[in-house]
Each structure stands twice: as C-alpha cells, then as structure tokens.
Amino acid sequence: MEMTTETPRGTVLIALALSVALLSAWLVFVGSRNGPIDRRVSNIALSRTARWLAGGTSQGRIALWDLAGGTAPRQIEFRQGPLNDLQFSPDEAVLAIAGRDLATYDLKQSAVPGLLRSDERNYGTVRFTKDGQTVLVITGKAEIETLDAHSGVTRLKICCSSIYGEVTFTTDGQAIANAGHWPSLWDARSGQLLGRLTANRQFYTFRPVAFDDARRAILMGSQDGRVYVWDLTTRQLVAISAPQSEYVDTLAVSSTGWVVYAGFGKTLRLWNPQTGQQRSLTAARPTSNLILGPDGTSIIFGTIDGSIEFWDAGTGQRLRVMRVPGS
C-alpha cells in the first residue's frame, strides 16, 4: 500500500509568511542601495582668509577643500543630519556643523567630527564670536543660545525666534540679530533686548541676514519675496526691494553695494538699494546659502547637481565649478 505524506496547513502558512518576510527584507535592502541620492548642495562656508572651502549636501556628505594647497578634498560624513549650517572659526582651526546635533571638525587633527551637543535639538544656525570661544545657535524649539565653543555649555539663552530664521552676530560683535517672525537685536553679553526692527510680529517669516557695513545697515530676506534694509543705528526701515514670487532664502551684499539674493533653486537676482536698479542671472540657481568670494564681488553657492559654482556678479559670468565628491 502506497503511503502519502501531507504537510500540515499551519506549516505551509508559516513557510509562506517567512518567504514574504525575506522578500520584503530583500526589497528594502535593494531599495536602500539603489534609492535616490540627494546631490543638492545645501550649505557652504568659506574661511576668513579664503584658504578653506566647505560644501555639504543635505544628507550630510561634506567636502573640505584646501584652496591654497590644491590637494584633493577631504570627505566628511555627518550622520546627525539633515545638514543645516556650516561655519569656520575665525582662526580657521575648526569647522562647525549644525544639524540634528551640533558638531565640530578639527582641520588639523580630526578624522571625524566630534559632537559638541548630542541632544537632537535640531540646530538651525551656528556662528562664532570674533575670538572663536563662543558659538551662537538657534534650536528647533526656537531658542537663541550662545555656547562655549569647546564644552558646549550654555552661556546665554534668549527666547525666542524661529528656526527658519537665521541668527548672527553684528559685524562688531556687540549685538545678536535674529530674523524669524519678529526681527530683533539683542545685547550679545547680557541678552537684553535692544530693539525690534518691525513694530509687530510679521506673518511672513524673515530668513537670511546680511550686513552692509559701508552704509551701517542690516538686511533680511522675507517669505514675501522682498529684501528689507534697516539702518542699524536708528533701526528704521530705509529700503525694500520689489516683490517676486519666490521666498528670499539667501542673500549677500557685495563690496559694490549690490544685494545678491535668491530663493533656493530659483533665479539669482541683484538689486541696488541706492538706485533701485534690478537685474537677474537666469542661469545661476543656488540651492545653498550665498557667500562672497575674497574679492568682494564674486558669488559662491551650491547647486542641485552637487556642484559649487563661482560667479562674477558684475559680468554675470560663471568663473569656476567644483564638485562635491560622492554626490
């Protein structure tokens, strides 16, 4: 008599479930290997003497160039992202990195960034004092703080602004300026409010902050598509650019007095507050903050394809292109 063996129904179901689980795990693995890479350069920084240039993608791939040495760029992995800001210390010894945590990278000794703060408070901006001993930050809770640059200990806390808006020291280092919904100035030592730049809290948020030292002015870009200029001494509004459809996410003031600004991924625009003249560089589309070149007239920024471009703001010519490795 021929015997037959039957597999219990429960065993079949378990086997099928295991197969599905293994297939799902494989698909996740393959997807992670072949998933989209965000090549967009979201932040750049140039050191005081223009020797060092750093550029990073939003995913935390950072390249560091020694422009004087001409060597291949170092590659830094910042895993506490997304990357929000980069800033060199005044002595060019340290690169500060802001993201979910706050880190510093020693240009002479470090192989990897060291964490200054590992509390996942989402640091939106990092700026150094002139002596490099203190850093200014804004957190995801919209708290403005100054921290010891070596220990991360809080020295001063000011409430409150918006993480979307930058915070920075004024050029003389005596005051802290914040953007956000209610742009203001604070005493850098005591934290005392020095004054507001608008009479009331604004519906549209201000993001980037820049200074025109020749005219003793502070500038901010707004979500309403304009650049606003205030006299730093009187805190009176003295000029507003014409409106445009996109946010003003980044701006810089050239040595010629022209204001260069853009929305991320949008057309680079130029405006002269003294004459009202405006023009645009349609081929230039920054995805990062704008910074001035050492000549005071060229503009440097990151792009969507993982490059850093140098442009002559006067002639509208692209001067140089560098690529972030691995992007």
Protein backbone atom coordinates (compact mmCIF):
# COMPACT_ATOMS: atom_id res chain seq x y z
CA MET A 1 0.00 0.00 0.00
CA GLU A 2 1.45 3.35 -1.08
CA MET A 3 1.86 5.88 1.73
CA THR A 4 1.33 9.68 1.22
CA THR A 5 2.66 12.48 3.40
CA GLU A 6 0.61 15.64 3.93
CA THR A 7 2.10 18.94 5.10
CA PRO A 8 0.04 20.47 7.88
CA ARG A 9 -1.76 23.65 6.76
CA GLY A 10 -0.16 25.69 9.57
CA THR A 11 3.31 24.74 8.41
CA VAL A 12 2.52 25.93 4.88
CA LEU A 13 1.27 29.27 6.17
CA ILE A 14 4.37 29.77 8.30
CA ALA A 15 6.60 28.97 5.33
CA LEU A 16 4.70 31.46 3.17
CA ALA A 17 4.96 34.15 5.86
CA LEU A 18 8.71 33.60 6.13
CA SER A 19 9.08 33.84 2.36
CA VAL A 20 7.15 37.11 2.28
CA ALA A 21 9.27 38.50 5.14
CA LEU A 22 12.51 37.53 3.39
CA LEU A 23 11.30 39.04 0.12
CA SER A 24 10.33 42.28 1.87
CA ALA A 25 13.71 42.47 3.59
CA TRP A 26 15.47 41.93 0.26
CA LEU A 27 13.41 44.65 -1.43
CA VAL A 28 14.22 47.07 1.38
CA PHE A 29 17.92 46.21 1.06
CA VAL A 30 17.93 46.67 -2.70
CA GLY A 31 15.94 49.88 -2.36
CA SER A 32 18.41 51.28 0.14
CA ARG A 33 21.26 50.52 -2.25
CA ASN A 34 19.53 51.97 -5.25
CA GLY A 35 17.47 54.66 -3.53
CA PRO A 36 17.67 58.26 -4.67
CA ILE A 37 20.67 60.28 -3.50
CA ASP A 38 20.06 63.94 -2.82
CA ARG A 39 23.02 65.56 -4.58
CA ARG A 40 21.85 69.07 -3.79
CA VAL A 41 24.49 71.18 -2.03
CA SER A 42 22.57 72.76 0.82
CA ASN A 43 25.32 74.59 2.73
CA ILE A 44 28.72 76.09 2.01
CA ALA A 45 31.30 78.02 4.05
CA LEU A 46 34.50 79.92 3.27
CA SER A 47 37.16 80.54 5.90
CA ARG A 48 38.35 84.04 6.82
CA THR A 49 41.42 84.05 4.54
CA ALA A 50 39.62 82.05 1.83
CA ARG A 51 42.03 79.14 2.30
CA TRP A 52 39.33 76.61 3.22
CA LEU A 53 36.07 75.95 1.43
CA ALA A 54 33.45 73.53 2.71
CA GLY A 55 30.33 72.30 0.95
CA GLY A 56 27.79 69.75 2.09
CA THR A 57 24.66 68.04 0.86
CA SER A 58 21.51 67.92 2.94
CA GLN A 59 22.26 64.24 3.68
CA GLY A 60 25.50 65.19 5.42
CA ARG A 61 28.16 64.50 2.80
CA ILE A 62 30.67 67.29 3.36
CA ALA A 63 33.73 68.09 1.25
CA LEU A 64 36.57 70.25 2.56
CA TRP A 65 38.98 71.89 0.12
CA ASP A 66 42.35 73.44 0.92
CA LEU A 67 42.26 76.06 -1.84
CA ALA A 68 45.83 77.15 -1.07
CA GLY A 69 47.29 73.64 -1.09
CA GLY A 70 45.45 72.45 -4.18
CA THR A 71 45.07 68.94 -2.78
CA ALA A 72 42.11 66.62 -3.25
CA PRO A 73 39.21 67.47 -0.94
CA ARG A 74 38.69 65.68 2.33
CA GLN A 75 35.38 63.90 2.70
CA ILE A 76 33.46 64.13 5.98
CA GLU A 77 30.37 62.11 6.88
CA PHE A 78 27.98 63.93 9.21
CA ARG A 79 25.35 61.43 10.31
CA GLN A 80 23.46 63.75 12.65
CA GLY A 81 21.62 65.37 9.75
CA PRO A 82 19.95 66.79 7.89
CA LEU A 83 22.70 69.37 7.46
CA ASN A 84 21.55 72.88 8.39
CA ASP A 85 24.67 75.06 8.54
CA LEU A 86 28.46 75.19 8.22
CA GLN A 87 30.81 77.81 9.66
CA PHE A 88 34.59 78.13 10.07
CA SER A 89 36.10 79.50 13.26
CA PRO A 90 37.94 82.85 12.87
CA ASP A 91 41.34 81.16 13.32
CA GLU A 92 40.46 78.59 10.63
CA ALA A 93 41.13 75.73 13.03
CA VAL A 94 37.61 74.34 13.30
CA LEU A 95 34.59 73.76 11.07
CA ALA A 96 31.30 73.90 12.99
CA ILE A 97 28.49 71.68 11.68
CA ALA A 98 24.84 72.16 12.61
CA GLY A 99 22.14 69.57 12.17
CA ARG A 100 20.06 67.45 14.49
CA ASP A 101 23.13 67.65 16.76
CA LEU A 102 25.97 70.19 16.85
CA ALA A 103 29.50 69.11 15.88
CA THR A 104 32.96 70.49 15.28
CA TYR A 105 35.66 69.20 12.95
CA ASP A 106 39.30 69.96 13.78
CA LEU A 107 41.03 70.79 10.49
CA LYS A 108 44.42 69.60 11.73
CA GLN A 109 43.61 66.53 13.78
CA SER A 110 40.13 65.15 13.22
CA ALA A 111 39.22 62.18 11.11
CA VAL A 112 35.57 62.53 12.03
CA PRO A 113 33.50 65.35 13.55
CA GLY A 114 33.29 65.49 17.33
CA LEU A 115 29.91 66.21 18.89
CA LEU A 116 29.63 69.47 20.82
CA ARG A 117 25.95 68.83 21.56
CA SER A 118 24.28 65.42 21.08
CA ASP A 119 20.80 66.27 22.32
CA GLU A 120 18.89 66.19 18.99
CA ARG A 121 17.65 69.75 19.44
CA ASN A 122 17.94 70.45 15.69
CA TYR A 123 20.39 73.34 15.40
CA GLY A 124 19.45 75.68 12.56
CA THR A 125 22.34 78.17 12.60
CA VAL A 126 25.86 78.24 14.05
CA ARG A 127 28.06 81.37 14.21
CA PHE A 128 31.35 82.11 16.00
CA THR A 129 32.30 85.16 18.05
CA LYS A 130 35.35 87.08 16.85
CA ASP A 131 37.62 85.30 19.32
CA GLY A 132 36.22 81.89 18.37
CA GLN A 133 35.47 80.98 22.00
CA THR A 134 31.68 81.13 21.74
CA VAL A 135 29.14 79.89 19.19
CA LEU A 136 25.69 81.31 18.57
CA VAL A 137 22.89 78.88 17.69
CA ILE A 138 19.15 78.62 17.30
CA THR A 139 17.40 75.37 18.14
CA GLY A 140 14.32 73.57 16.89
CA LYS A 141 12.48 74.99 19.91
CA ALA A 142 13.25 78.49 18.54
CA GLU A 143 15.60 79.27 21.43
CA ILE A 144 18.61 81.50 20.73
CA GLU A 145 21.67 80.43 22.74
CA THR A 146 25.37 81.12 22.99
CA LEU A 147 27.55 78.13 23.91
CA ASP A 148 31.14 77.58 24.94
CA ALA A 149 32.84 76.55 21.70
CA HIS A 150 34.87 73.83 23.45
CA SER A 151 32.49 72.33 26.01
CA GLY A 152 29.06 73.16 24.60
CA VAL A 153 27.97 74.63 27.94
CA THR A 154 25.24 77.27 27.62
CA ARG A 155 26.42 80.80 28.32
CA LEU A 156 23.34 82.79 27.34
CA LYS A 157 19.77 81.92 26.39
CA ILE A 158 17.32 84.26 24.65
CA CYS A 159 13.72 83.40 23.90
CA CYS A 160 12.52 83.30 21.17
CA SER A 161 12.71 83.42 17.38
CA SER A 162 12.12 80.87 14.60
CA ILE A 163 14.44 78.07 13.47
CA TYR A 164 13.65 79.09 9.88
CA GLY A 165 15.23 82.48 10.55
CA GLU A 166 18.99 82.93 10.89
CA VAL A 167 20.70 84.31 13.96
CA THR A 168 24.05 86.04 13.72
CA PHE A 169 26.37 88.48 15.43
CA THR A 170 26.54 92.02 14.11
CA THR A 171 29.83 92.84 12.42
CA ASP A 172 31.26 94.50 15.54
CA GLY A 173 30.23 91.51 17.66
CA GLN A 174 28.34 93.66 20.15
CA ALA A 175 24.83 92.50 19.29
CA ILE A 176 22.90 89.45 18.15
CA ALA A 177 20.44 89.81 15.28
CA ASN A 178 17.65 87.33 14.67
CA ALA A 179 15.30 87.02 11.71
CA GLY A 180 12.13 84.92 12.08
CA HIS A 181 8.68 86.44 12.56
CA TRP A 182 9.88 89.38 14.66
CA PRO A 183 13.39 90.52 13.65
CA SER A 184 15.24 91.93 16.63
CA LEU A 185 18.58 92.99 18.08
CA TRP A 186 19.92 91.77 21.44
CA ASP A 187 22.94 92.70 23.54
CA ALA A 188 25.48 89.91 22.94
CA ARG A 189 26.72 89.90 26.56
CA SER A 190 23.61 90.39 28.64
CA GLY A 191 20.92 89.11 26.29
CA GLN A 192 18.94 92.30 26.84
CA LEU A 193 16.59 93.29 24.02
CA LEU A 194 17.98 96.34 22.22
CA GLY A 195 15.09 96.83 19.85
CA ARG A 196 12.72 95.37 17.29
CA LEU A 197 13.05 96.05 13.57
CA THR A 198 9.31 95.77 12.98
CA ALA A 199 6.51 97.21 15.08
CA ASN A 200 4.67 93.90 15.26
CA ARG A 201 5.16 90.19 14.71
CA GLN A 202 5.15 89.52 10.97
CA PHE A 203 3.00 86.94 9.18
CA TYR A 204 5.73 86.23 6.60
CA THR A 205 8.96 84.92 8.13
CA PHE A 206 12.35 86.54 7.55
CA ARG A 207 15.15 84.05 6.93
CA PRO A 208 18.61 85.28 5.77
CA VAL A 209 20.51 88.12 7.43
CA ALA A 210 23.34 90.20 5.94
CA PHE A 211 25.11 93.46 6.73
CA ASP A 212 26.19 96.44 4.63
CA ASP A 213 28.97 97.94 6.75
CA ALA A 214 29.55 100.85 4.39
CA ARG A 215 26.00 102.07 4.97
CA ARG A 216 25.68 100.76 8.53
CA ALA A 217 22.67 98.69 7.52
CA ILE A 218 21.18 95.28 8.26
CA LEU A 219 19.31 93.36 5.55
CA MET A 220 16.90 90.45 5.73
CA GLY A 221 15.11 88.39 3.11
CA SER A 222 11.45 87.51 3.59
CA GLN A 223 9.00 84.84 2.53
CA ASP A 224 7.05 87.65 0.86
CA GLY A 225 9.73 87.77 -1.86
CA ARG A 226 11.39 91.02 -0.80
CA VAL A 227 14.64 92.16 0.78
CA TYR A 228 14.29 94.68 3.62
CA VAL A 229 17.00 97.14 4.66
CA TRP A 230 17.15 98.85 8.07
CA ASP A 231 19.53 101.47 9.42
CA LEU A 232 21.37 99.73 12.27
CA THR A 233 21.67 102.89 14.35
CA THR A 234 18.09 104.14 14.15
CA ARG A 235 16.50 100.74 13.38
CA GLN A 236 14.37 102.50 10.78
CA LEU A 237 13.38 100.81 7.52
CA VAL A 238 15.19 102.57 4.66
CA ALA A 239 14.62 100.39 1.57
CA ILE A 240 12.57 97.44 0.26
CA SER A 241 13.19 95.54 -2.96
CA ALA A 242 10.44 94.93 -5.48
CA PRO A 243 8.37 91.78 -4.79
CA GLN A 244 8.96 88.48 -6.59
CA SER A 245 7.07 85.23 -6.43
CA GLU A 246 9.56 83.03 -4.55
CA TYR A 247 10.87 83.25 -0.98
CA VAL A 248 14.16 85.04 -0.34
CA ASP A 249 16.12 82.17 1.21
CA THR A 250 19.65 83.56 0.95
CA LEU A 251 21.37 86.90 0.34
CA ALA A 252 24.74 88.65 0.39
CA VAL A 253 25.94 92.23 -0.05
CA SER A 254 28.81 92.77 -2.50
CA SER A 255 31.55 95.35 -1.99
CA THR A 256 29.93 97.45 -4.73
CA GLY A 257 26.72 97.77 -2.71
CA TRP A 258 24.63 95.44 -4.87
CA VAL A 259 22.46 92.98 -2.96
CA VAL A 260 22.55 89.45 -4.36
CA TYR A 261 19.68 87.16 -3.35
CA ALA A 262 17.65 84.13 -4.38
CA GLY A 263 15.11 81.52 -3.40
CA PHE A 264 16.60 78.05 -3.21
CA GLY A 265 16.70 76.58 -6.71
CA LYS A 266 15.44 79.84 -8.18
CA THR A 267 16.95 82.63 -10.27
CA LEU A 268 19.78 84.66 -8.76
CA ARG A 269 18.76 88.32 -8.52
CA LEU A 270 20.67 91.55 -7.97
CA TRP A 271 19.31 94.78 -6.51
CA ASN A 272 20.91 98.15 -5.83
CA PRO A 273 19.10 99.77 -2.86
CA GLN A 274 20.60 103.17 -3.68
CA THR A 275 19.40 103.38 -7.28
CA GLY A 276 16.60 100.82 -7.32
CA GLN A 277 18.19 99.01 -10.28
CA GLN A 278 17.48 95.31 -10.61
CA ARG A 279 18.76 92.52 -12.81
CA SER A 280 18.98 88.73 -12.73
CA LEU A 281 21.28 85.87 -13.70
CA THR A 282 18.84 83.30 -15.02
CA ALA A 283 21.45 80.55 -15.43
CA ALA A 284 22.53 80.81 -11.79
CA ARG A 285 20.22 78.84 -9.46
CA PRO A 286 21.58 78.44 -5.92
CA THR A 287 20.40 75.64 -3.66
CA SER A 288 22.62 76.76 -0.78
CA ASN A 289 23.45 79.94 1.05
CA LEU A 290 25.31 82.63 -0.92
CA ILE A 291 28.77 83.73 0.19
CA LEU A 292 31.08 86.41 -1.18
CA GLY A 293 34.39 85.49 -2.74
CA PRO A 294 37.55 87.10 -1.33
CA ASP A 295 37.37 89.86 -3.95
CA GLY A 296 34.06 91.04 -2.51
CA THR A 297 32.25 90.89 -5.85
CA SER A 298 32.21 87.23 -6.88
CA ILE A 299 29.47 84.97 -5.51
CA ILE A 300 29.83 81.33 -4.45
CA PHE A 301 26.96 78.88 -3.99
CA GLY A 302 25.95 75.23 -4.23
CA THR A 303 23.70 73.72 -6.89
CA ILE A 304 21.20 70.89 -7.28
CA ASP A 305 23.65 68.59 -9.10
CA GLY A 306 26.26 68.52 -6.32
CA SER A 307 28.46 71.33 -7.58
CA ILE A 308 29.81 74.57 -6.10
CA GLU A 309 29.86 77.43 -8.57
CA PHE A 310 31.75 80.72 -8.58
CA TRP A 311 30.14 83.63 -10.46
CA ASP A 312 31.20 87.19 -11.25
CA ALA A 313 28.20 89.21 -10.08
CA GLY A 314 29.26 92.18 -12.19
CA THR A 315 29.63 90.48 -15.56
CA GLY A 316 27.24 87.58 -14.93
CA GLN A 317 29.88 85.05 -15.95
CA ARG A 318 30.42 81.68 -14.31
CA LEU A 319 34.07 81.55 -13.27
CA ARG A 320 34.60 78.09 -11.80
CA VAL A 321 32.81 74.84 -10.92
CA MET A 322 33.82 72.36 -8.20
CA ARG A 323 32.04 69.11 -7.40
CA VAL A 324 31.35 67.56 -4.01
CA PRO A 325 32.83 64.01 -4.25
CA GLY A 326 30.28 61.21 -3.97
CA SER A 327 27.33 63.48 -4.66
